[in-house]
C-alpha cells in the first residue's frame, strides 16, 4: 500500500469558553520539512508537537497550525484603573467643562490604559489540543492513503501500457531482422563483388546479435514486476520506487538505441512517455 505525501487533515473541539482547531497540510519533499504555528501560551510545547508529527508523517513539507478562538466571556485584558483616572484628571485640568463620558473614551485609548495579563499554560486545555492534533493526524493519513490509492491505480495502468508496447515490439522483430539481411545484401550487390555466403551469414549473425533486445525485455519485465510488488508491500517505499523507475529507464533507453526500426522506435517513445509520468508521480510517494 502506498501513501501520497500530499494531504490535508483538520480536527476541532468546542470547549466551554474556547474552540480549538488544528490544521495540517503536507506536500512532497525529500525529507520532513516541518513548520508549526502555535498560540503564544503554548510555544513551549512546540518540540513535543514536532515529535508527535514526525512519528506519524515521516516525510513531506508539513505545515501544522493550531488556532484557539475564544467563544465565551473570557478576556485577558483589564482596565488599568489608576492610569485611566490619572488621564481623566489631566484632561479635566485642560478642559474643565468636558463631558465625563467623552473623557473616559479618550482615556481608555491612551497608552497603558489596558493591562494584558499573560495567559499561563492550561494543562487541561493542552490535553484537548493533543487529542485534536492526533485526530488531525489520523485525518491527514487517511487523505494520504486515498491519494496513494489513486496513484497506485495510475501506476498500474501505465505499467500495463509499457507491457503492451513491449508486446507490440515483438511483432516487428522478424521484420527488422529481414530488413538487416536485405540491406546487407543490397550493399554487397552495389559493390559488385563476389559474395562469400559463409562470411555473409557471419555478418548477419553479428548484426542480429548487436540488435538483439531479448535481455532488455527480460530485465524490463522483471523491473515492472518488482515495481508492482514494492508498491503493494506494507512499507513506505517512495525512494525505492524511484530507484526501480531509474532502472526501467535504462532498459527502455537501451531498447531504443538497438531498435533500428521506425515502428519500434515509436513504441519506445511511448514507453518513455509512460515512464516519465511514473517518475513525476513517484516524487509524491511517501
C-alpha atoms as a PDB file:
ATOM      1  CA  UNK A   1       0.000   0.000   0.000  1.00  0.00           C
ATOM      2  CA  UNK A   2       1.458   3.365  -0.990  1.00  0.00           C
ATOM      3  CA  UNK A   3       0.738   6.727   0.612  1.00  0.00           C
ATOM      4  CA  UNK A   4       0.924  10.116  -1.049  1.00  0.00           C
ATOM      5  CA  UNK A   5       2.918  12.879   0.631  1.00  0.00           C
ATOM      6  CA  UNK A   6       0.209  15.368  -0.339  1.00  0.00           C
ATOM      7  CA  UNK A   7      -2.584  15.635   2.201  1.00  0.00           C
ATOM      8  CA  UNK A   8      -4.770  17.752   4.455  1.00  0.00           C
ATOM      9  CA  UNK A   9      -6.177  16.990   7.880  1.00  0.00           C
ATOM     10  CA  UNK A  10      -8.352  19.106  10.152  1.00  0.00           C
ATOM     11  CA  UNK A  11      -9.939  18.495  13.556  1.00  0.00           C
ATOM     12  CA  UNK A  12     -11.585  20.719  16.173  1.00  0.00           C
ATOM     13  CA  UNK A  13     -13.165  20.601  19.594  1.00  0.00           C
ATOM     14  CA  UNK A  14     -15.541  23.025  21.312  1.00  0.00           C
ATOM     15  CA  UNK A  15     -14.737  23.720  24.960  1.00  0.00           C
ATOM     16  CA  UNK A  16     -16.979  25.775  27.285  1.00  0.00           C
ATOM     17  CA  UNK A  17     -15.079  29.010  26.565  1.00  0.00           C
ATOM     18  CA  UNK A  18     -12.917  28.207  23.536  1.00  0.00           C
ATOM     19  CA  UNK A  19     -12.878  26.447  20.178  1.00  0.00           C
ATOM     20  CA  UNK A  20      -9.614  24.657  19.328  1.00  0.00           C
ATOM     21  CA  UNK A  21      -8.833  23.898  15.681  1.00  0.00           C
ATOM     22  CA  UNK A  22      -5.804  22.032  14.306  1.00  0.00           C
ATOM     23  CA  UNK A  23      -4.997  22.052  10.575  1.00  0.00           C
ATOM     24  CA  UNK A  24      -2.185  20.039   8.977  1.00  0.00           C
ATOM     25  CA  UNK A  25      -1.160  20.388   5.336  1.00  0.00           C
ATOM     26  CA  UNK A  26       1.584  18.455   3.544  1.00  0.00           C
ATOM     27  CA  UNK A  27       3.304  18.473   0.151  1.00  0.00           C
ATOM     28  CA  UNK A  28       6.106  16.354  -1.275  1.00  0.00           C
ATOM     29  CA  UNK A  29       9.662  16.789  -0.023  1.00  0.00           C
ATOM     30  CA  UNK A  30      12.790  14.633   0.158  1.00  0.00           C
ATOM     31  CA  UNK A  31      12.760  14.782   3.964  1.00  0.00           C
ATOM     32  CA  UNK A  32      10.489  16.064   6.729  1.00  0.00           C
ATOM     33  CA  UNK A  33      10.306  19.864   6.449  1.00  0.00           C
ATOM     34  CA  UNK A  34       8.039  20.860   9.333  1.00  0.00           C
ATOM     35  CA  UNK A  35       6.703  24.251  10.408  1.00  0.00           C
ATOM     36  CA  UNK A  36       4.428  24.711  13.446  1.00  0.00           C
ATOM     37  CA  UNK A  37       2.251  27.724  14.300  1.00  0.00           C
ATOM     38  CA  UNK A  38       1.075  27.893  17.936  1.00  0.00           C
ATOM     39  CA  UNK A  39      -0.661  30.466  20.157  1.00  0.00           C
ATOM     40  CA  UNK A  40       1.860  32.240  22.397  1.00  0.00           C
ATOM     41  CA  UNK A  41       0.977  30.377  25.660  1.00  0.00           C
ATOM     42  CA  UNK A  42       1.810  27.032  24.017  1.00  0.00           C
ATOM     43  CA  UNK A  43       5.133  27.898  22.362  1.00  0.00           C
ATOM     44  CA  UNK A  44       6.972  25.817  24.960  1.00  0.00           C
ATOM     45  CA  UNK A  45       5.134  22.730  23.644  1.00  0.00           C
ATOM     46  CA  UNK A  46       6.386  23.130  20.058  1.00  0.00           C
ATOM     47  CA  UNK A  47       9.087  20.452  20.363  1.00  0.00           C
ATOM     48  CA  UNK A  48       6.556  17.958  21.725  1.00  0.00           C
ATOM     49  CA  UNK A  49       4.211  18.664  18.802  1.00  0.00           C
ATOM     50  CA  UNK A  50       7.064  18.292  16.322  1.00  0.00           C
ATOM     51  CA  UNK A  51       7.943  14.867  17.737  1.00  0.00           C
ATOM     52  CA  UNK A  52       4.336  13.660  17.518  1.00  0.00           C
ATOM     53  CA  UNK A  53       4.021  14.813  13.892  1.00  0.00           C
ATOM     54  CA  UNK A  54       7.416  13.387  12.884  1.00  0.00           C
ATOM     55  CA  UNK A  55       6.424   9.933  14.154  1.00  0.00           C
ATOM     56  CA  UNK A  56       3.189   9.966  12.159  1.00  0.00           C
ATOM     57  CA  UNK A  57       4.102  11.670   8.861  1.00  0.00           C
ATOM     58  CA  UNK A  58       7.819  10.793   8.353  1.00  0.00           C
ATOM     59  CA  UNK A  59       8.349  12.794   5.139  1.00  0.00           C
ATOM     60  CA  UNK A  60       6.941  15.813   3.361  1.00  0.00           C
ATOM     61  CA  UNK A  61       6.764  19.595   3.597  1.00  0.00           C
ATOM     62  CA  UNK A  62       4.345  19.814   6.534  1.00  0.00           C
ATOM     63  CA  UNK A  63       2.636  22.857   7.996  1.00  0.00           C
ATOM     64  CA  UNK A  64       0.740  22.495  11.292  1.00  0.00           C
ATOM     65  CA  UNK A  65      -1.400  25.345  12.649  1.00  0.00           C
ATOM     66  CA  UNK A  66      -3.216  25.449  15.998  1.00  0.00           C
ATOM     67  CA  UNK A  67      -5.981  28.054  16.357  1.00  0.00           C
ATOM     68  CA  UNK A  68      -7.717  28.927  19.632  1.00  0.00           C
ATOM     69  CA  UNK A  69     -10.860  31.018  19.323  1.00  0.00           C
ATOM     70  CA  UNK A  70     -12.418  32.500  22.478  1.00  0.00           C
ATOM     71  CA  UNK A  71     -16.169  31.882  22.335  1.00  0.00           C
ATOM     72  CA  UNK A  72     -17.131  32.625  25.970  1.00  0.00           C
ATOM     73  CA  UNK A  73     -16.944  35.675  28.225  1.00  0.00           C
ATOM     74  CA  UNK A  74     -13.252  35.473  28.891  1.00  0.00           C
ATOM     75  CA  UNK A  75     -10.603  38.110  28.347  1.00  0.00           C
ATOM     76  CA  UNK A  76      -7.010  38.578  29.409  1.00  0.00           C
ATOM     77  CA  UNK A  77      -7.231  42.405  29.156  1.00  0.00           C
ATOM     78  CA  UNK A  78      -8.398  44.622  32.077  1.00  0.00           C
ATOM     79  CA  UNK A  79      -8.569  48.371  32.611  1.00  0.00           C
ATOM     80  CA  UNK A  80      -5.616  49.872  34.429  1.00  0.00           C
ATOM     81  CA  UNK A  81      -7.829  51.973  36.739  1.00  0.00           C
ATOM     82  CA  UNK A  82      -5.145  54.249  38.314  1.00  0.00           C
ATOM     83  CA  UNK A  83      -3.740  55.149  34.886  1.00  0.00           C
ATOM     84  CA  UNK A  84      -7.221  55.850  33.451  1.00  0.00           C
ATOM     85  CA  UNK A  85      -8.132  58.086  36.422  1.00  0.00           C
ATOM     86  CA  UNK A  86      -4.855  59.962  36.038  1.00  0.00           C
ATOM     87  CA  UNK A  87      -5.529  60.580  32.330  1.00  0.00           C
ATOM     88  CA  UNK A  88      -9.064  61.860  33.105  1.00  0.00           C
ATOM     89  CA  UNK A  89      -7.758  64.185  35.830  1.00  0.00           C
ATOM     90  CA  UNK A  90      -5.159  65.663  33.496  1.00  0.00           C
ATOM     91  CA  UNK A  91      -7.734  66.219  30.731  1.00  0.00           C
ATOM     92  CA  UNK A  92     -10.135  67.894  33.218  1.00  0.00           C
ATOM     93  CA  UNK A  93      -7.370  70.327  34.154  1.00  0.00           C
ATOM     94  CA  UNK A  94      -7.051  71.211  30.483  1.00  0.00           C
ATOM     95  CA  UNK A  95     -10.787  71.182  29.615  1.00  0.00           C
ATOM     96  CA  UNK A  96     -12.770  71.687  32.861  1.00  0.00           C
ATOM     97  CA  UNK A  97     -16.177  71.614  31.152  1.00  0.00           C
ATOM     98  CA  UNK A  98     -15.563  68.408  29.144  1.00  0.00           C
ATOM     99  CA  UNK A  99     -18.176  65.623  29.287  1.00  0.00           C
ATOM    100  CA  UNK A 100     -17.122  62.765  31.590  1.00  0.00           C
ATOM    101  CA  UNK A 101     -18.155  60.089  29.046  1.00  0.00           C
ATOM    102  CA  UNK A 102     -16.037  61.656  26.323  1.00  0.00           C
ATOM    103  CA  UNK A 103     -13.092  61.919  28.710  1.00  0.00           C
ATOM    104  CA  UNK A 104     -13.445  58.202  29.509  1.00  0.00           C
ATOM    105  CA  UNK A 105     -13.487  57.310  25.792  1.00  0.00           C
ATOM    106  CA  UNK A 106     -10.280  59.242  25.260  1.00  0.00           C
ATOM    107  CA  UNK A 107      -8.603  57.905  28.383  1.00  0.00           C
ATOM    108  CA  UNK A 108      -9.031  54.221  27.512  1.00  0.00           C
ATOM    109  CA  UNK A 109      -7.297  54.869  24.194  1.00  0.00           C
ATOM    110  CA  UNK A 110      -4.203  56.268  25.854  1.00  0.00           C
ATOM    111  CA  UNK A 111      -1.007  54.194  26.358  1.00  0.00           C
ATOM    112  CA  UNK A 112      -1.062  51.683  29.232  1.00  0.00           C
ATOM    113  CA  UNK A 113      -4.811  52.163  29.816  1.00  0.00           C
ATOM    114  CA  UNK A 114      -5.290  48.393  29.360  1.00  0.00           C
ATOM    115  CA  UNK A 115      -3.408  45.677  31.222  1.00  0.00           C
ATOM    116  CA  UNK A 116      -2.950  42.427  29.314  1.00  0.00           C
ATOM    117  CA  UNK A 117      -2.248  39.542  31.611  1.00  0.00           C
ATOM    118  CA  UNK A 118      -0.066  36.799  30.159  1.00  0.00           C
ATOM    119  CA  UNK A 119      -2.039  33.585  29.738  1.00  0.00           C
ATOM    120  CA  UNK A 120      -0.416  30.682  31.530  1.00  0.00           C
ATOM    121  CA  UNK A 121      -0.330  27.163  30.137  1.00  0.00           C
ATOM    122  CA  UNK A 122      -3.566  25.350  30.912  1.00  0.00           C
ATOM    123  CA  UNK A 123      -2.784  21.616  31.199  1.00  0.00           C
ATOM    124  CA  UNK A 124      -6.399  20.572  30.704  1.00  0.00           C
ATOM    125  CA  UNK A 125      -6.639  22.687  27.583  1.00  0.00           C
ATOM    126  CA  UNK A 126      -3.292  21.290  26.408  1.00  0.00           C
ATOM    127  CA  UNK A 127      -4.597  17.739  26.753  1.00  0.00           C
ATOM    128  CA  UNK A 128      -7.504  18.701  24.496  1.00  0.00           C
ATOM    129  CA  UNK A 129      -5.082  20.139  21.949  1.00  0.00           C
ATOM    130  CA  UNK A 130      -3.137  16.837  21.934  1.00  0.00           C
ATOM    131  CA  UNK A 131      -6.350  14.918  21.275  1.00  0.00           C
ATOM    132  CA  UNK A 132      -7.320  17.235  18.422  1.00  0.00           C
ATOM    133  CA  UNK A 133      -3.770  17.035  16.997  1.00  0.00           C
ATOM    134  CA  UNK A 134      -3.904  13.239  16.958  1.00  0.00           C
ATOM    135  CA  UNK A 135      -7.287  13.311  15.230  1.00  0.00           C
ATOM    136  CA  UNK A 136      -5.951  15.732  12.596  1.00  0.00           C
ATOM    137  CA  UNK A 137      -3.016  13.348  12.007  1.00  0.00           C
ATOM    138  CA  UNK A 138      -5.453  10.448  11.560  1.00  0.00           C
ATOM    139  CA  UNK A 139      -7.401  12.550   9.042  1.00  0.00           C
ATOM    140  CA  UNK A 140      -4.345  13.581   7.026  1.00  0.00           C
ATOM    141  CA  UNK A 141      -3.066   9.998   6.925  1.00  0.00           C
ATOM    142  CA  UNK A 142      -6.449   8.858   5.626  1.00  0.00           C
ATOM    143  CA  UNK A 143      -6.241  11.590   2.975  1.00  0.00           C
ATOM    144  CA  UNK A 144      -2.721  10.435   2.053  1.00  0.00           C
ATOM    145  CA  UNK A 145      -3.921   6.837   1.826  1.00  0.00           C
ATOM    146  CA  UNK A 146      -6.751   7.760  -0.557  1.00  0.00           C
ATOM    147  CA  UNK A 147      -4.388   9.792  -2.725  1.00  0.00           C
ATOM    148  CA  UNK A 148      -1.931   6.874  -2.665  1.00  0.00           C
ATOM    149  CA  UNK A 149      -4.632   4.504  -3.934  1.00  0.00           C
ATOM    150  CA  UNK A 150      -5.296   6.826  -6.872  1.00  0.00           C
ATOM    151  CA  UNK A 151      -1.584   6.993  -7.668  1.00  0.00           C
ATOM    152  CA  UNK A 152      -1.316   3.194  -7.376  1.00  0.00           C
ATOM    153  CA  UNK A 153      -4.088   2.735  -9.941  1.00  0.00           C
ATOM    154  CA  UNK A 154      -2.366   5.210 -12.247  1.00  0.00           C
ATOM    155  CA  UNK A 155       0.974   3.368 -11.886  1.00  0.00           C
ATOM    156  CA  UNK A 156      -0.684   0.018 -12.640  1.00  0.00           C
ATOM    157  CA  UNK A 157      -2.270   1.433 -15.815  1.00  0.00           C
ATOM    158  CA  UNK A 158       0.981   2.942 -17.044  1.00  0.00           C
ATOM    159  CA  UNK A 159       2.951  -0.240 -16.367  1.00  0.00           C
ATOM    160  CA  UNK A 160       0.282  -2.153 -18.271  1.00  0.00           C
ATOM    161  CA  UNK A 161       0.771   0.285 -21.179  1.00  0.00           C
ATOM    162  CA  UNK A 162       4.539  -0.331 -21.128  1.00  0.00           C
ATOM    163  CA  UNK A 163       3.933  -4.091 -21.244  1.00  0.00           C
ATOM    164  CA  UNK A 164       1.572  -3.616 -24.210  1.00  0.00           C
ATOM    165  CA  UNK A 165       4.246  -1.650 -26.067  1.00  0.00           C
ATOM    166  CA  UNK A 166       6.786  -4.423 -25.409  1.00  0.00           C
ATOM    167  CA  UNK A 167       4.314  -6.942 -26.795  1.00  0.00           C
ATOM    168  CA  UNK A 168       3.841  -4.845 -29.935  1.00  0.00           C
ATOM    169  CA  UNK A 169       7.600  -4.573 -30.376  1.00  0.00           C
ATOM    170  CA  UNK A 170       7.831  -8.348 -30.714  1.00  0.00           C
ATOM    171  CA  UNK A 171       5.722  -8.143 -33.883  1.00  0.00           C
ATOM    172  CA  UNK A 172       8.376  -6.012 -35.595  1.00  0.00           C
ATOM    173  CA  UNK A 173      11.451  -8.006 -34.624  1.00  0.00           C
ATOM    174  CA  UNK A 174      11.270 -10.514 -37.503  1.00  0.00           C
ATOM    175  CA  UNK A 175      10.676  -7.690 -39.943  1.00  0.00           C
ATOM    176  CA  UNK A 176      13.700  -5.885 -38.531  1.00  0.00           C
ATOM    177  CA  UNK A 177      15.957  -8.965 -38.989  1.00  0.00           C
ATOM    178  CA  UNK A 178      14.763  -9.359 -42.579  1.00  0.00           C
ATOM    179  CA  UNK A 179      15.459  -5.654 -43.142  1.00  0.00           C
ATOM    180  CA  UNK A 180      19.017  -6.039 -41.841  1.00  0.00           C
ATOM    181  CA  UNK A 181      19.671  -9.037 -44.123  1.00  0.00           C
ATOM    182  CA  UNK A 182      18.227  -7.266 -47.166  1.00  0.00           C
ATOM    183  CA  UNK A 183      20.227  -4.094 -46.504  1.00  0.00           C
ATOM    184  CA  UNK A 184      23.499  -6.004 -46.177  1.00  0.00           C
ATOM    185  CA  UNK A 185      22.783  -7.962 -49.325  1.00  0.00           C
ATOM    186  CA  UNK A 186      21.877  -4.810 -51.250  1.00  0.00           C
ATOM    187  CA  UNK A 187      25.089  -3.081 -50.140  1.00  0.00           C
ATOM    188  CA  UNK A 188      27.139  -6.041 -51.298  1.00  0.00           C
ATOM    189  CA  UNK A 189      25.404  -6.086 -54.681  1.00  0.00           C
ATOM    190  CA  UNK A 190      26.086  -2.392 -55.157  1.00  0.00           C
ATOM    191  CA  UNK A 191      29.785  -3.093 -54.622  1.00  0.00           C
ATOM    192  CA  UNK A 192      29.591  -5.657 -57.440  1.00  0.00           C
ATOM    193  CA  UNK A 193      31.778  -8.210 -55.665  1.00  0.00           C
ATOM    194  CA  UNK A 194      31.506 -11.934 -55.255  1.00  0.00           C
ATOM    195  CA  UNK A 195      29.594 -12.823 -52.093  1.00  0.00           C
ATOM    196  CA  UNK A 196      31.067 -15.353 -49.699  1.00  0.00           C
ATOM    197  CA  UNK A 197      27.888 -16.916 -48.358  1.00  0.00           C
ATOM    198  CA  UNK A 198      29.626 -18.126 -45.194  1.00  0.00           C
ATOM    199  CA  UNK A 199      31.044 -14.678 -44.430  1.00  0.00           C
ATOM    200  CA  UNK A 200      27.714 -13.096 -45.272  1.00  0.00           C
ATOM    201  CA  UNK A 201      25.958 -15.378 -42.777  1.00  0.00           C
ATOM    202  CA  UNK A 202      28.531 -14.464 -40.109  1.00  0.00           C
ATOM    203  CA  UNK A 203      27.943 -10.744 -40.655  1.00  0.00           C
ATOM    204  CA  UNK A 204      24.174 -11.201 -40.426  1.00  0.00           C
ATOM    205  CA  UNK A 205      24.546 -13.077 -37.146  1.00  0.00           C
ATOM    206  CA  UNK A 206      26.887 -10.350 -35.851  1.00  0.00           C
ATOM    207  CA  UNK A 207      24.422  -7.552 -36.599  1.00  0.00           C
ATOM    208  CA  UNK A 208      21.462  -9.507 -35.289  1.00  0.00           C
ATOM    209  CA  UNK A 209      23.300 -10.132 -32.009  1.00  0.00           C
ATOM    210  CA  UNK A 210      24.125  -6.412 -31.704  1.00  0.00           C
ATOM    211  CA  UNK A 211      20.455  -5.522 -32.236  1.00  0.00           C
ATOM    212  CA  UNK A 212      19.004  -8.271 -30.044  1.00  0.00           C
ATOM    213  CA  UNK A 213      16.814  -6.828 -27.242  1.00  0.00           C
ATOM    214  CA  UNK A 214      15.693 -10.032 -25.529  1.00  0.00           C
ATOM    215  CA  UNK A 215      17.858  -9.385 -22.456  1.00  0.00           C
ATOM    216  CA  UNK A 216      16.495  -5.851 -22.139  1.00  0.00           C
ATOM    217  CA  UNK A 217      12.916  -7.123 -22.399  1.00  0.00           C
ATOM    218  CA  UNK A 218      13.528  -9.731 -19.691  1.00  0.00           C
ATOM    219  CA  UNK A 219      15.143  -7.197 -17.359  1.00  0.00           C
ATOM    220  CA  UNK A 220      12.442  -4.601 -18.006  1.00  0.00           C
ATOM    221  CA  UNK A 221       9.740  -7.185 -17.293  1.00  0.00           C
ATOM    222  CA  UNK A 222      11.467  -8.018 -14.011  1.00  0.00           C
ATOM    223  CA  UNK A 223      11.642  -4.322 -13.088  1.00  0.00           C
ATOM    224  CA  UNK A 224       7.945  -3.836 -13.871  1.00  0.00           C
ATOM    225  CA  UNK A 225       7.033  -6.823 -11.688  1.00  0.00           C
ATOM    226  CA  UNK A 226       9.274  -5.576  -8.884  1.00  0.00           C
ATOM    227  CA  UNK A 227       7.741  -2.099  -9.074  1.00  0.00           C
ATOM    228  CA  UNK A 228       4.241  -3.514  -8.571  1.00  0.00           C
ATOM    229  CA  UNK A 229       5.451  -5.846  -5.829  1.00  0.00           C
ATOM    230  CA  UNK A 230       7.121  -2.973  -3.964  1.00  0.00           C
ATOM    231  CA  UNK A 231       4.103  -0.732  -4.469  1.00  0.00           C
ATOM    232  CA  UNK A 232       1.793  -3.288  -2.837  1.00  0.00           C
ATOM    233  CA  UNK A 233       4.122  -4.090   0.074  1.00  0.00           C
ATOM    234  CA  UNK A 234       3.341  -2.827   3.581  1.00  0.00           C
ATOM    235  CA  UNK A 235       6.115  -0.250   3.646  1.00  0.00           C
ATOM    236  CA  UNK A 236       6.732   3.350   2.686  1.00  0.00           C
ATOM    237  CA  UNK A 237       8.780   2.841  -0.461  1.00  0.00           C
ATOM    238  CA  UNK A 238       8.757   6.144  -2.363  1.00  0.00           C
ATOM    239  CA  UNK A 239      12.544   6.290  -2.674  1.00  0.00           C
ATOM    240  CA  UNK A 240      12.733   2.596  -3.615  1.00  0.00           C
ATOM    241  CA  UNK A 241      10.141   3.058  -6.360  1.00  0.00           C
ATOM    242  CA  UNK A 242      12.214   5.953  -7.687  1.00  0.00           C
ATOM    243  CA  UNK A 243      15.307   3.732  -7.965  1.00  0.00           C
ATOM    244  CA  UNK A 244      13.319   1.000  -9.739  1.00  0.00           C
ATOM    245  CA  UNK A 245      11.947   3.566 -12.203  1.00  0.00           C
ATOM    246  CA  UNK A 246      15.538   4.619 -12.998  1.00  0.00           C
ATOM    247  CA  UNK A 247      16.441   1.016 -13.822  1.00  0.00           C
ATOM    248  CA  UNK A 248      13.357   0.736 -16.031  1.00  0.00           C
ATOM    249  CA  UNK A 249      14.539   3.834 -17.884  1.00  0.00           C
ATOM    250  CA  UNK A 250      17.957   2.308 -18.581  1.00  0.00           C
ATOM    251  CA  UNK A 251      16.413  -0.770 -20.198  1.00  0.00           C
ATOM    252  CA  UNK A 252      13.978   1.268 -22.302  1.00  0.00           C
ATOM    253  CA  UNK A 253      16.786   3.564 -23.480  1.00  0.00           C
ATOM    254  CA  UNK A 254      18.911   0.558 -24.490  1.00  0.00           C
ATOM    255  CA  UNK A 255      15.971  -0.910 -26.401  1.00  0.00           C
ATOM    256  CA  UNK A 256      15.602   2.408 -28.197  1.00  0.00           C
ATOM    257  CA  UNK A 257      19.262   2.541 -29.202  1.00  0.00           C
ATOM    258  CA  UNK A 258      19.066  -1.036 -30.538  1.00  0.00           C
ATOM    259  CA  UNK A 259      15.676  -0.858 -32.216  1.00  0.00           C
ATOM    260  CA  UNK A 260      16.884   0.321 -35.652  1.00  0.00           C
ATOM    261  CA  UNK A 261      13.263   0.257 -36.826  1.00  0.00           C
ATOM    262  CA  UNK A 262      10.861   3.190 -37.196  1.00  0.00           C
ATOM    263  CA  UNK A 263       7.798   1.497 -35.694  1.00  0.00           C
ATOM    264  CA  UNK A 264       9.804   0.026 -32.811  1.00  0.00           C
ATOM    265  CA  UNK A 265      11.239   3.459 -32.044  1.00  0.00           C
ATOM    266  CA  UNK A 266       7.727   4.923 -31.925  1.00  0.00           C
ATOM    267  CA  UNK A 267       6.776   2.308 -29.353  1.00  0.00           C
ATOM    268  CA  UNK A 268       9.924   3.043 -27.338  1.00  0.00           C
ATOM    269  CA  UNK A 269       8.945   6.728 -27.298  1.00  0.00           C
ATOM    270  CA  UNK A 270       5.524   5.746 -25.919  1.00  0.00           C
ATOM    271  CA  UNK A 271       7.204   3.662 -23.227  1.00  0.00           C
ATOM    272  CA  UNK A 272       9.456   6.581 -22.295  1.00  0.00           C
ATOM    273  CA  UNK A 273       6.446   8.874 -22.063  1.00  0.00           C
ATOM    274  CA  UNK A 274       4.653   6.487 -19.709  1.00  0.00           C
ATOM    275  CA  UNK A 275       7.789   6.088 -17.603  1.00  0.00           C
ATOM    276  CA  UNK A 276       8.309   9.859 -17.293  1.00  0.00           C
ATOM    277  CA  UNK A 277       4.777  10.212 -15.937  1.00  0.00           C
ATOM    278  CA  UNK A 278       5.522   7.436 -13.438  1.00  0.00           C
ATOM    279  CA  UNK A 279       8.709   9.213 -12.341  1.00  0.00           C
ATOM    280  CA  UNK A 280       6.845  12.502 -11.838  1.00  0.00           C
ATOM    281  CA  UNK A 281       4.248  10.855  -9.599  1.00  0.00           C
ATOM    282  CA  UNK A 282       6.789   8.774  -7.669  1.00  0.00           C
ATOM    283  CA  UNK A 283       8.107  12.053  -6.232  1.00  0.00           C
ATOM    284  CA  UNK A 284       4.764  12.356  -4.395  1.00  0.00           C
ATOM    285  CA  UNK A 285       5.015   8.905  -2.795  1.00  0.00           C
ATOM    286  CA  UNK A 286       5.868   8.598   0.886  1.00  0.00           C
END
